[in-house]
Amino acid sequence: MAERVMHKLKMTRWLLAALAFVLLAGCASIANKASQRLSDSLSAGILEQDDIATARDGIPAWLLLVDGMIHSDPKNVGLLLAGSKLYGAYAGGFVDDAARAKRLSARSFDYARRALCVRRADLCAKLEAPFETFESEVTQLRVADVPVVYALAAAWAGRIQANSEDWKAIADIPRVQALLDRVVALQPDFADGEPYMYLGVLATLRPASLGGKPEQGKADFDKALALSGGKNQMVRVLYAQHYARLVFDQALHDRLLGEVLAADPHADKLTLINVLAQVRARKLLASGKDYF
């Protein structure tokens, strides 16, 4: 069972991290005006790109640019969030080398942690505290904290997935869950339902007999799909991969993936993610013939 959980984490690392692209444009509102204009322009170019190779080859230049900007303004929350999300997205979506993915996801997490430390020093100081202490601090978060907290949860999930062979990393999953639960409690429609997608994955890592919550995961995926207006095709891919396969529902699995492939991937702030989703959908459909 342990091997199965690790395998599922590895399979979803690039899928979940790729979702960070959607949030890049949102970071700009926290940064200063000059950074905002730059972030808006670069984010738009990445998010609307429908050629994966172009995105893969071009993003590293922005990684270096963001690093330099953060070096010059190390407490700029907007820049830290942009750096965290871009590093996480690139590590999960385009990097196959495990060691490199670990380094990039570690930087993603570090930038998100630093943003949290600027925004909420109280929670920052308790990230490694006993879980009860950490959880108590999470309950003190407010709506204004949601963007930073969600960015931290996403980066943390990416770091866990990049280190899926390390049980110490996997042991942090309840902390990510607590952050996501607080996000949806404070702002259920945040990021068009993406936190629910993460929650759906966490709930379906294990079957019900081993403590998983597949039906809760199904509800979370349905909520994410509804809040995205059906435009985020990554929701359907993760829904099929995690829930439909877990409960051996081939009809649902094939229907969801068929919908992904039939959809026009071009959508505001979702084009690149949808193209990545279609690539994965084809692979899942092909492997599904042996899975079911």
C-alpha atoms as a PDB file:
ATOM      1  CA  MET A   1       0.000   0.000   0.000  1.00  0.00           C
ATOM      2  CA  ALA A   2       2.871   2.353   0.810  1.00  0.00           C
ATOM      3  CA  GLU A   3       4.254   1.812  -2.676  1.00  0.00           C
ATOM      4  CA  ARG A   4       0.853   2.600  -4.171  1.00  0.00           C
ATOM      5  CA  VAL A   5       0.563   5.909  -2.332  1.00  0.00           C
ATOM      6  CA  MET A   6       4.081   6.883  -3.402  1.00  0.00           C
ATOM      7  CA  HIS A   7       3.351   5.917  -7.006  1.00  0.00           C
ATOM      8  CA  LYS A   8       0.202   8.047  -7.049  1.00  0.00           C
ATOM      9  CA  LEU A   9       2.089  10.985  -5.612  1.00  0.00           C
ATOM     10  CA  LYS A  10       4.748  10.678  -8.297  1.00  0.00           C
ATOM     11  CA  MET A  11       2.140  10.432 -11.060  1.00  0.00           C
ATOM     12  CA  THR A  12       0.401  13.607  -9.954  1.00  0.00           C
ATOM     13  CA  ARG A  13       3.413  15.780  -9.155  1.00  0.00           C
ATOM     14  CA  TRP A  14       3.510  17.546 -12.519  1.00  0.00           C
ATOM     15  CA  LEU A  15      -0.265  17.721 -12.762  1.00  0.00           C
ATOM     16  CA  LEU A  16      -0.774  19.448  -9.448  1.00  0.00           C
ATOM     17  CA  ALA A  17       2.210  21.708  -9.775  1.00  0.00           C
ATOM     18  CA  ALA A  18       1.098  22.781 -13.242  1.00  0.00           C
ATOM     19  CA  LEU A  19      -1.986  24.286 -11.661  1.00  0.00           C
ATOM     20  CA  ALA A  20       0.221  26.966 -10.174  1.00  0.00           C
ATOM     21  CA  PHE A  21       0.326  28.656 -13.577  1.00  0.00           C
ATOM     22  CA  VAL A  22      -3.295  29.702 -13.112  1.00  0.00           C
ATOM     23  CA  LEU A  23      -2.407  31.654  -9.985  1.00  0.00           C
ATOM     24  CA  LEU A  24       0.518  33.604 -11.431  1.00  0.00           C
ATOM     25  CA  ALA A  25      -1.614  36.501 -12.599  1.00  0.00           C
ATOM     26  CA  GLY A  26      -3.184  36.782  -9.148  1.00  0.00           C
ATOM     27  CA  CYS A  27       0.177  37.390  -7.506  1.00  0.00           C
ATOM     28  CA  ALA A  28       0.589  40.686  -9.245  1.00  0.00           C
ATOM     29  CA  SER A  29      -2.037  42.475  -7.195  1.00  0.00           C
ATOM     30  CA  ILE A  30       0.154  42.151  -4.107  1.00  0.00           C
ATOM     31  CA  ALA A  31       3.300  43.466  -5.726  1.00  0.00           C
ATOM     32  CA  ASN A  32       4.155  47.069  -6.459  1.00  0.00           C
ATOM     33  CA  LYS A  33       2.918  48.633  -9.692  1.00  0.00           C
ATOM     34  CA  ALA A  34       6.103  48.135 -11.694  1.00  0.00           C
ATOM     35  CA  SER A  35       6.308  44.479 -10.695  1.00  0.00           C
ATOM     36  CA  GLN A  36       2.605  44.124 -11.357  1.00  0.00           C
ATOM     37  CA  ARG A  37       2.916  45.261 -14.966  1.00  0.00           C
ATOM     38  CA  LEU A  38       5.820  42.897 -15.560  1.00  0.00           C
ATOM     39  CA  SER A  39       4.079  39.989 -13.836  1.00  0.00           C
ATOM     40  CA  ASP A  40       0.858  40.609 -15.760  1.00  0.00           C
ATOM     41  CA  SER A  41       2.640  40.597 -19.107  1.00  0.00           C
ATOM     42  CA  LEU A  42       4.744  37.514 -18.446  1.00  0.00           C
ATOM     43  CA  SER A  43       1.883  35.626 -16.822  1.00  0.00           C
ATOM     44  CA  ALA A  44      -0.385  36.289 -19.772  1.00  0.00           C
ATOM     45  CA  GLY A  45       2.205  34.994 -22.198  1.00  0.00           C
ATOM     46  CA  ILE A  46       2.700  31.783 -20.241  1.00  0.00           C
ATOM     47  CA  LEU A  47      -0.937  31.113 -19.426  1.00  0.00           C
ATOM     48  CA  GLU A  48      -2.101  31.606 -23.011  1.00  0.00           C
ATOM     49  CA  GLN A  49       0.681  29.512 -24.556  1.00  0.00           C
ATOM     50  CA  ASP A  50      -0.654  26.456 -26.379  1.00  0.00           C
ATOM     51  CA  ASP A  51       2.742  25.025 -27.348  1.00  0.00           C
ATOM     52  CA  ILE A  52       4.266  23.013 -24.511  1.00  0.00           C
ATOM     53  CA  ALA A  53       7.792  23.058 -25.930  1.00  0.00           C
ATOM     54  CA  THR A  54       7.797  26.848 -26.150  1.00  0.00           C
ATOM     55  CA  ALA A  55       6.654  27.135 -22.545  1.00  0.00           C
ATOM     56  CA  ARG A  56       9.210  24.593 -21.358  1.00  0.00           C
ATOM     57  CA  ASP A  57      12.067  26.365 -23.109  1.00  0.00           C
ATOM     58  CA  GLY A  58      11.012  29.892 -22.188  1.00  0.00           C
ATOM     59  CA  ILE A  59      10.074  29.648 -18.520  1.00  0.00           C
ATOM     60  CA  PRO A  60      13.653  29.229 -17.160  1.00  0.00           C
ATOM     61  CA  ALA A  61      14.455  32.767 -18.276  1.00  0.00           C
ATOM     62  CA  TRP A  62      11.667  34.076 -16.064  1.00  0.00           C
ATOM     63  CA  LEU A  63      12.868  31.941 -13.169  1.00  0.00           C
ATOM     64  CA  LEU A  64      16.190  33.790 -13.273  1.00  0.00           C
ATOM     65  CA  LEU A  65      14.431  37.128 -13.685  1.00  0.00           C
ATOM     66  CA  VAL A  66      12.195  36.544 -10.673  1.00  0.00           C
ATOM     67  CA  ASP A  67      15.181  35.389  -8.609  1.00  0.00           C
ATOM     68  CA  GLY A  68      16.950  38.651  -9.379  1.00  0.00           C
ATOM     69  CA  MET A  69      13.893  40.740  -8.538  1.00  0.00           C
ATOM     70  CA  ILE A  70      13.439  38.929  -5.223  1.00  0.00           C
ATOM     71  CA  HIS A  71      17.114  39.437  -4.410  1.00  0.00           C
ATOM     72  CA  SER A  72      16.582  43.177  -4.840  1.00  0.00           C
ATOM     73  CA  ASP A  73      13.311  43.241  -2.882  1.00  0.00           C
ATOM     74  CA  PRO A  74      13.393  40.189  -0.542  1.00  0.00           C
ATOM     75  CA  LYS A  75      10.221  41.023   1.405  1.00  0.00           C
ATOM     76  CA  ASN A  76       7.980  41.730  -1.569  1.00  0.00           C
ATOM     77  CA  VAL A  77       5.150  39.253  -1.011  1.00  0.00           C
ATOM     78  CA  GLY A  78       3.918  39.473  -4.595  1.00  0.00           C
ATOM     79  CA  LEU A  79       7.317  38.624  -6.031  1.00  0.00           C
ATOM     80  CA  LEU A  80       7.822  35.811  -3.526  1.00  0.00           C
ATOM     81  CA  LEU A  81       4.487  34.285  -4.479  1.00  0.00           C
ATOM     82  CA  ALA A  82       5.203  34.634  -8.178  1.00  0.00           C
ATOM     83  CA  GLY A  83       8.572  32.931  -7.690  1.00  0.00           C
ATOM     84  CA  SER A  84       7.055  30.146  -5.607  1.00  0.00           C
ATOM     85  CA  LYS A  85       4.333  29.380  -8.084  1.00  0.00           C
ATOM     86  CA  LEU A  86       6.552  29.549 -11.126  1.00  0.00           C
ATOM     87  CA  TYR A  87       9.201  27.277  -9.629  1.00  0.00           C
ATOM     88  CA  GLY A  88       6.543  24.812  -8.489  1.00  0.00           C
ATOM     89  CA  ALA A  89       4.815  24.809 -11.850  1.00  0.00           C
ATOM     90  CA  TYR A  90       8.040  24.322 -13.778  1.00  0.00           C
ATOM     91  CA  ALA A  91       9.272  21.552 -11.471  1.00  0.00           C
ATOM     92  CA  GLY A  92       6.008  19.671 -11.702  1.00  0.00           C
ATOM     93  CA  GLY A  93       5.146  20.277 -15.313  1.00  0.00           C
ATOM     94  CA  PHE A  94       8.428  20.098 -17.190  1.00  0.00           C
ATOM     95  CA  VAL A  95      11.197  18.496 -15.133  1.00  0.00           C
ATOM     96  CA  ASP A  96      11.740  14.733 -15.341  1.00  0.00           C
ATOM     97  CA  ASP A  97      14.993  14.528 -13.378  1.00  0.00           C
ATOM     98  CA  ALA A  98      14.062  13.637  -9.784  1.00  0.00           C
ATOM     99  CA  ALA A  99      17.001  15.392  -8.121  1.00  0.00           C
ATOM    100  CA  ARG A 100      16.375  18.572 -10.071  1.00  0.00           C
ATOM    101  CA  ALA A 101      12.650  18.462  -9.299  1.00  0.00           C
ATOM    102  CA  LYS A 102      13.489  18.240  -5.600  1.00  0.00           C
ATOM    103  CA  ARG A 103      15.729  21.328  -5.786  1.00  0.00           C
ATOM    104  CA  LEU A 104      13.173  23.380  -7.719  1.00  0.00           C
ATOM    105  CA  SER A 105      10.250  22.372  -5.512  1.00  0.00           C
ATOM    106  CA  ALA A 106      12.350  23.196  -2.445  1.00  0.00           C
ATOM    107  CA  ARG A 107      12.873  26.720  -3.767  1.00  0.00           C
ATOM    108  CA  SER A 108       9.154  26.993  -4.512  1.00  0.00           C
ATOM    109  CA  PHE A 109       8.385  26.079  -0.915  1.00  0.00           C
ATOM    110  CA  ASP A 110      11.045  28.438   0.456  1.00  0.00           C
ATOM    111  CA  TYR A 111       9.626  31.412  -1.444  1.00  0.00           C
ATOM    112  CA  ALA A 112       6.092  30.598  -0.262  1.00  0.00           C
ATOM    113  CA  ARG A 113       7.302  30.203   3.326  1.00  0.00           C
ATOM    114  CA  ARG A 114       9.100  33.546   3.162  1.00  0.00           C
ATOM    115  CA  ALA A 115       5.936  35.200   1.857  1.00  0.00           C
ATOM    116  CA  LEU A 116       3.992  33.708   4.756  1.00  0.00           C
ATOM    117  CA  CYS A 117       6.620  34.955   7.218  1.00  0.00           C
ATOM    118  CA  VAL A 118       6.110  38.492   5.934  1.00  0.00           C
ATOM    119  CA  ARG A 119       2.333  38.188   5.974  1.00  0.00           C
ATOM    120  CA  ARG A 120       1.722  35.977   9.054  1.00  0.00           C
ATOM    121  CA  ALA A 121       4.824  35.670  11.212  1.00  0.00           C
ATOM    122  CA  ASP A 122       2.793  33.888  13.897  1.00  0.00           C
ATOM    123  CA  LEU A 123       1.930  30.929  11.655  1.00  0.00           C
ATOM    124  CA  CYS A 124       5.382  30.997  10.064  1.00  0.00           C
ATOM    125  CA  ALA A 125       6.922  30.368  13.476  1.00  0.00           C
ATOM    126  CA  LYS A 126       4.738  27.289  13.989  1.00  0.00           C
ATOM    127  CA  LEU A 127       5.096  25.467  10.678  1.00  0.00           C
ATOM    128  CA  GLU A 128       7.169  22.753  12.349  1.00  0.00           C
ATOM    129  CA  ALA A 129       5.448  22.859  15.727  1.00  0.00           C
ATOM    130  CA  PRO A 130       3.424  19.877  16.992  1.00  0.00           C
ATOM    131  CA  PHE A 131       0.391  19.395  14.764  1.00  0.00           C
ATOM    132  CA  GLU A 132      -2.137  20.543  17.367  1.00  0.00           C
ATOM    133  CA  THR A 133      -0.250  23.816  17.831  1.00  0.00           C
ATOM    134  CA  PHE A 134       0.052  24.298  14.077  1.00  0.00           C
ATOM    135  CA  GLU A 135      -3.629  23.526  13.530  1.00  0.00           C
ATOM    136  CA  SER A 136      -4.687  25.948  16.239  1.00  0.00           C
ATOM    137  CA  GLU A 137      -2.738  28.734  14.554  1.00  0.00           C
ATOM    138  CA  VAL A 138      -4.310  27.888  11.189  1.00  0.00           C
ATOM    139  CA  THR A 139      -7.764  28.526  12.671  1.00  0.00           C
ATOM    140  CA  GLN A 140      -6.718  32.139  13.293  1.00  0.00           C
ATOM    141  CA  LEU A 141      -6.253  32.867   9.585  1.00  0.00           C
ATOM    142  CA  ARG A 142      -8.573  35.366   7.890  1.00  0.00           C
ATOM    143  CA  VAL A 143      -9.836  35.976   4.365  1.00  0.00           C
ATOM    144  CA  ALA A 144      -7.015  38.400   3.600  1.00  0.00           C
ATOM    145  CA  ASP A 145      -4.505  35.597   4.258  1.00  0.00           C
ATOM    146  CA  VAL A 146      -6.009  33.194   1.705  1.00  0.00           C
ATOM    147  CA  PRO A 147      -3.704  33.926  -1.300  1.00  0.00           C
ATOM    148  CA  VAL A 148      -0.525  33.432   0.727  1.00  0.00           C
ATOM    149  CA  VAL A 149      -1.842  30.393   2.580  1.00  0.00           C
ATOM    150  CA  TYR A 150      -3.016  28.707  -0.601  1.00  0.00           C
ATOM    151  CA  ALA A 151       0.324  29.361  -2.279  1.00  0.00           C
ATOM    152  CA  LEU A 152       2.068  27.747   0.689  1.00  0.00           C
ATOM    153  CA  ALA A 153      -0.248  24.715   0.556  1.00  0.00           C
ATOM    154  CA  ALA A 154       0.377  24.285  -3.173  1.00  0.00           C
ATOM    155  CA  ALA A 155       4.161  24.609  -2.789  1.00  0.00           C
ATOM    156  CA  TRP A 156       4.143  22.252   0.176  1.00  0.00           C
ATOM    157  CA  ALA A 157       2.176  19.667  -1.817  1.00  0.00           C
ATOM    158  CA  GLY A 158       4.700  20.021  -4.632  1.00  0.00           C
ATOM    159  CA  ARG A 159       7.586  19.447  -2.245  1.00  0.00           C
ATOM    160  CA  ILE A 160       5.891  16.365  -0.822  1.00  0.00           C
ATOM    161  CA  GLN A 161       5.296  14.960  -4.293  1.00  0.00           C
ATOM    162  CA  ALA A 162       8.889  15.594  -5.338  1.00  0.00           C
ATOM    163  CA  ASN A 163      10.013  13.674  -2.236  1.00  0.00           C
ATOM    164  CA  SER A 164       7.372  10.955  -2.366  1.00  0.00           C
ATOM    165  CA  GLU A 165       9.850   8.264  -1.314  1.00  0.00           C
ATOM    166  CA  ASP A 166      10.478  10.093   1.975  1.00  0.00           C
ATOM    167  CA  TRP A 167       7.953   9.237   4.659  1.00  0.00           C
ATOM    168  CA  LYS A 168       8.962  12.304   6.667  1.00  0.00           C
ATOM    169  CA  ALA A 169       7.764  14.429   3.745  1.00  0.00           C
ATOM    170  CA  ILE A 170       4.554  12.410   3.380  1.00  0.00           C
ATOM    171  CA  ALA A 171       3.891  12.925   7.093  1.00  0.00           C
ATOM    172  CA  ASP A 172       3.308  16.622   6.307  1.00  0.00           C
ATOM    173  CA  ILE A 173       0.168  15.857   4.282  1.00  0.00           C
ATOM    174  CA  PRO A 174      -2.170  16.587   7.254  1.00  0.00           C
ATOM    175  CA  ARG A 175      -0.656  20.076   7.494  1.00  0.00           C
ATOM    176  CA  VAL A 176      -1.354  20.735   3.829  1.00  0.00           C
ATOM    177  CA  GLN A 177      -4.876  19.409   4.362  1.00  0.00           C
ATOM    178  CA  ALA A 178      -5.393  21.779   7.305  1.00  0.00           C
ATOM    179  CA  LEU A 179      -4.290  24.773   5.225  1.00  0.00           C
ATOM    180  CA  LEU A 180      -6.566  23.829   2.329  1.00  0.00           C
ATOM    181  CA  ASP A 181      -9.515  23.204   4.648  1.00  0.00           C
ATOM    182  CA  ARG A 182      -9.068  26.683   6.094  1.00  0.00           C
ATOM    183  CA  VAL A 183      -8.831  28.223   2.617  1.00  0.00           C
ATOM    184  CA  VAL A 184     -12.148  26.744   1.474  1.00  0.00           C
ATOM    185  CA  ALA A 185     -13.783  27.592   4.800  1.00  0.00           C
ATOM    186  CA  LEU A 186     -12.786  31.240   4.407  1.00  0.00           C
ATOM    187  CA  GLN A 187     -13.294  31.597   0.645  1.00  0.00           C
ATOM    188  CA  PRO A 188     -15.014  28.597  -0.991  1.00  0.00           C
ATOM    189  CA  ASP A 189     -14.776  30.006  -4.519  1.00  0.00           C
ATOM    190  CA  PHE A 190     -11.104  30.992  -4.332  1.00  0.00           C
ATOM    191  CA  ALA A 191      -9.159  30.402  -7.573  1.00  0.00           C
ATOM    192  CA  ASP A 192     -12.288  29.025  -9.256  1.00  0.00           C
ATOM    193  CA  GLY A 193     -12.320  25.974  -7.008  1.00  0.00           C
ATOM    194  CA  GLU A 194      -8.730  24.799  -7.297  1.00  0.00           C
ATOM    195  CA  PRO A 195      -8.329  24.179  -3.542  1.00  0.00           C
ATOM    196  CA  TYR A 196     -11.124  21.619  -3.834  1.00  0.00           C
ATOM    197  CA  MET A 197      -9.150  19.854  -6.535  1.00  0.00           C
ATOM    198  CA  TYR A 198      -6.179  19.492  -4.202  1.00  0.00           C
ATOM    199  CA  LEU A 199      -8.517  18.253  -1.476  1.00  0.00           C
ATOM    200  CA  GLY A 200      -9.984  15.733  -3.903  1.00  0.00           C
ATOM    201  CA  VAL A 201      -6.536  14.304  -4.589  1.00  0.00           C
ATOM    202  CA  LEU A 202      -5.663  14.088  -0.889  1.00  0.00           C
ATOM    203  CA  ALA A 203      -8.926  12.294  -0.118  1.00  0.00           C
ATOM    204  CA  THR A 204      -8.343   9.672  -2.829  1.00  0.00           C
ATOM    205  CA  LEU A 205      -4.721   8.732  -2.214  1.00  0.00           C
ATOM    206  CA  ARG A 206      -5.937   5.629  -0.358  1.00  0.00           C
ATOM    207  CA  PRO A 207      -9.018   3.385  -0.617  1.00  0.00           C
ATOM    208  CA  ALA A 208     -11.699   3.665   2.058  1.00  0.00           C
ATOM    209  CA  SER A 209     -10.535   0.404   3.660  1.00  0.00           C
ATOM    210  CA  LEU A 210      -7.202   2.027   4.462  1.00  0.00           C
ATOM    211  CA  GLY A 211      -8.474   5.370   5.687  1.00  0.00           C
ATOM    212  CA  GLY A 212      -9.088   7.154   2.401  1.00  0.00           C
ATOM    213  CA  LYS A 213     -12.247   9.121   1.734  1.00  0.00           C
ATOM    214  CA  PRO A 214     -13.073   8.456  -1.924  1.00  0.00           C
ATOM    215  CA  GLU A 215     -16.641   9.743  -1.771  1.00  0.00           C
ATOM    216  CA  GLN A 216     -15.476  12.955  -0.121  1.00  0.00           C
ATOM    217  CA  GLY A 217     -12.877  13.200  -2.862  1.00  0.00           C
ATOM    218  CA  LYS A 218     -15.574  12.766  -5.495  1.00  0.00           C
ATOM    219  CA  ALA A 219     -17.571  15.580  -3.911  1.00  0.00           C
ATOM    220  CA  ASP A 220     -14.473  17.784  -3.875  1.00  0.00           C
ATOM    221  CA  PHE A 221     -13.759  17.125  -7.559  1.00  0.00           C
ATOM    222  CA  ASP A 222     -17.395  17.857  -8.446  1.00  0.00           C
ATOM    223  CA  LYS A 223     -17.187  21.128  -6.520  1.00  0.00           C
ATOM    224  CA  ALA A 224     -13.966  22.109  -8.278  1.00  0.00           C
ATOM    225  CA  LEU A 225     -15.464  21.293 -11.648  1.00  0.00           C
ATOM    226  CA  ALA A 226     -18.564  23.351 -10.932  1.00  0.00           C
ATOM    227  CA  LEU A 227     -16.622  26.366  -9.655  1.00  0.00           C
ATOM    228  CA  SER A 228     -14.379  26.337 -12.723  1.00  0.00           C
ATOM    229  CA  GLY A 229     -17.405  26.335 -14.991  1.00  0.00           C
ATOM    230  CA  GLY A 230     -16.047  23.142 -16.517  1.00  0.00           C
ATOM    231  CA  LYS A 231     -13.212  25.055 -18.189  1.00  0.00           C
ATOM    232  CA  ASN A 232     -10.301  23.695 -16.168  1.00  0.00           C
ATOM    233  CA  GLN A 233      -9.640  20.334 -17.826  1.00  0.00           C
ATOM    234  CA  MET A 234      -7.060  19.377 -15.214  1.00  0.00           C
ATOM    235  CA  VAL A 235      -9.947  18.831 -12.794  1.00  0.00           C
ATOM    236  CA  ARG A 236     -11.319  16.082 -15.016  1.00  0.00           C
ATOM    237  CA  VAL A 237      -7.906  14.474 -15.454  1.00  0.00           C
ATOM    238  CA  LEU A 238      -7.283  14.274 -11.708  1.00  0.00           C
ATOM    239  CA  TYR A 239     -10.873  13.171 -11.113  1.00  0.00           C
ATOM    240  CA  ALA A 240     -10.397  10.267 -13.523  1.00  0.00           C
ATOM    241  CA  GLN A 241      -6.918   9.368 -12.319  1.00  0.00           C
ATOM    242  CA  HIS A 242      -7.602   9.461  -8.601  1.00  0.00           C
ATOM    243  CA  TYR A 243     -11.266   8.768  -7.990  1.00  0.00           C
ATOM    244  CA  ALA A 244     -12.439   6.756 -11.009  1.00  0.00           C
ATOM    245  CA  ARG A 245      -9.402   4.472 -10.926  1.00  0.00           C
ATOM    246  CA  LEU A 246      -9.567   4.078  -7.159  1.00  0.00           C
ATOM    247  CA  VAL A 247     -13.157   2.790  -7.298  1.00  0.00           C
ATOM    248  CA  PHE A 248     -12.649   1.014 -10.643  1.00  0.00           C
ATOM    249  CA  ASP A 249     -15.307   3.035 -12.450  1.00  0.00           C
ATOM    250  CA  GLN A 250     -14.130   2.705 -16.046  1.00  0.00           C
ATOM    251  CA  ALA A 251     -17.223   4.359 -17.510  1.00  0.00           C
ATOM    252  CA  LEU A 252     -16.623   7.525 -15.463  1.00  0.00           C
ATOM    253  CA  HIS A 253     -12.888   7.369 -16.144  1.00  0.00           C
ATOM    254  CA  ASP A 254     -13.307   7.198 -19.912  1.00  0.00           C
ATOM    255  CA  ARG A 255     -16.100   9.774 -19.993  1.00  0.00           C
ATOM    256  CA  LEU A 256     -14.084  12.368 -18.067  1.00  0.00           C
ATOM    257  CA  LEU A 257     -11.001  11.885 -20.215  1.00  0.00           C
ATOM    258  CA  GLY A 258     -13.061  11.931 -23.384  1.00  0.00           C
ATOM    259  CA  GLU A 259     -14.489  15.289 -22.319  1.00  0.00           C
ATOM    260  CA  VAL A 260     -10.964  16.617 -21.794  1.00  0.00           C
ATOM    261  CA  LEU A 261      -9.897  15.604 -25.278  1.00  0.00           C
ATOM    262  CA  ALA A 262     -13.083  16.949 -26.875  1.00  0.00           C
ATOM    263  CA  ALA A 263     -12.780  20.359 -25.193  1.00  0.00           C
ATOM    264  CA  ASP A 264     -11.228  23.421 -26.786  1.00  0.00           C
ATOM    265  CA  PRO A 265      -8.126  23.950 -24.612  1.00  0.00           C
ATOM    266  CA  HIS A 266      -8.133  27.697 -25.236  1.00  0.00           C
ATOM    267  CA  ALA A 267      -9.613  29.407 -22.179  1.00  0.00           C
ATOM    268  CA  ASP A 268      -8.689  32.537 -20.269  1.00  0.00           C
ATOM    269  CA  LYS A 269      -5.676  31.821 -18.011  1.00  0.00           C
ATOM    270  CA  LEU A 270      -6.081  28.079 -18.588  1.00  0.00           C
ATOM    271  CA  THR A 271      -4.773  27.349 -22.082  1.00  0.00           C
ATOM    272  CA  LEU A 272      -1.387  25.905 -21.118  1.00  0.00           C
ATOM    273  CA  ILE A 273      -2.875  23.881 -18.265  1.00  0.00           C
ATOM    274  CA  ASN A 274      -5.556  22.485 -20.548  1.00  0.00           C
ATOM    275  CA  VAL A 275      -2.996  21.483 -23.171  1.00  0.00           C
ATOM    276  CA  LEU A 276      -0.989  19.692 -20.474  1.00  0.00           C
ATOM    277  CA  ALA A 277      -4.211  18.036 -19.304  1.00  0.00           C
ATOM    278  CA  GLN A 278      -4.938  16.741 -22.781  1.00  0.00           C
ATOM    279  CA  VAL A 279      -1.468  15.177 -23.024  1.00  0.00           C
ATOM    280  CA  ARG A 280      -2.060  13.358 -19.740  1.00  0.00           C
ATOM    281  CA  ALA A 281      -5.607  12.366 -20.712  1.00  0.00           C
ATOM    282  CA  ARG A 282      -4.330  10.519 -23.776  1.00  0.00           C
ATOM    283  CA  LYS A 283      -1.811   8.603 -21.653  1.00  0.00           C
ATOM    284  CA  LEU A 284      -4.431   7.702 -19.045  1.00  0.00           C
ATOM    285  CA  LEU A 285      -6.871   6.471 -21.659  1.00  0.00           C
ATOM    286  CA  ALA A 286      -4.178   4.304 -23.216  1.00  0.00           C
ATOM    287  CA  SER A 287      -3.058   2.826 -19.880  1.00  0.00           C
ATOM    288  CA  GLY A 288      -6.659   2.395 -18.770  1.00  0.00           C
ATOM    289  CA  LYS A 289      -7.032  -0.555 -21.131  1.00  0.00           C
ATOM    290  CA  ASP A 290      -4.654  -2.492 -18.890  1.00  0.00           C
ATOM    291  CA  TYR A 291      -5.772  -0.944 -15.611  1.00  0.00           C
ATOM    292  CA  PHE A 292      -9.423  -1.932 -15.699  1.00  0.00           C
END
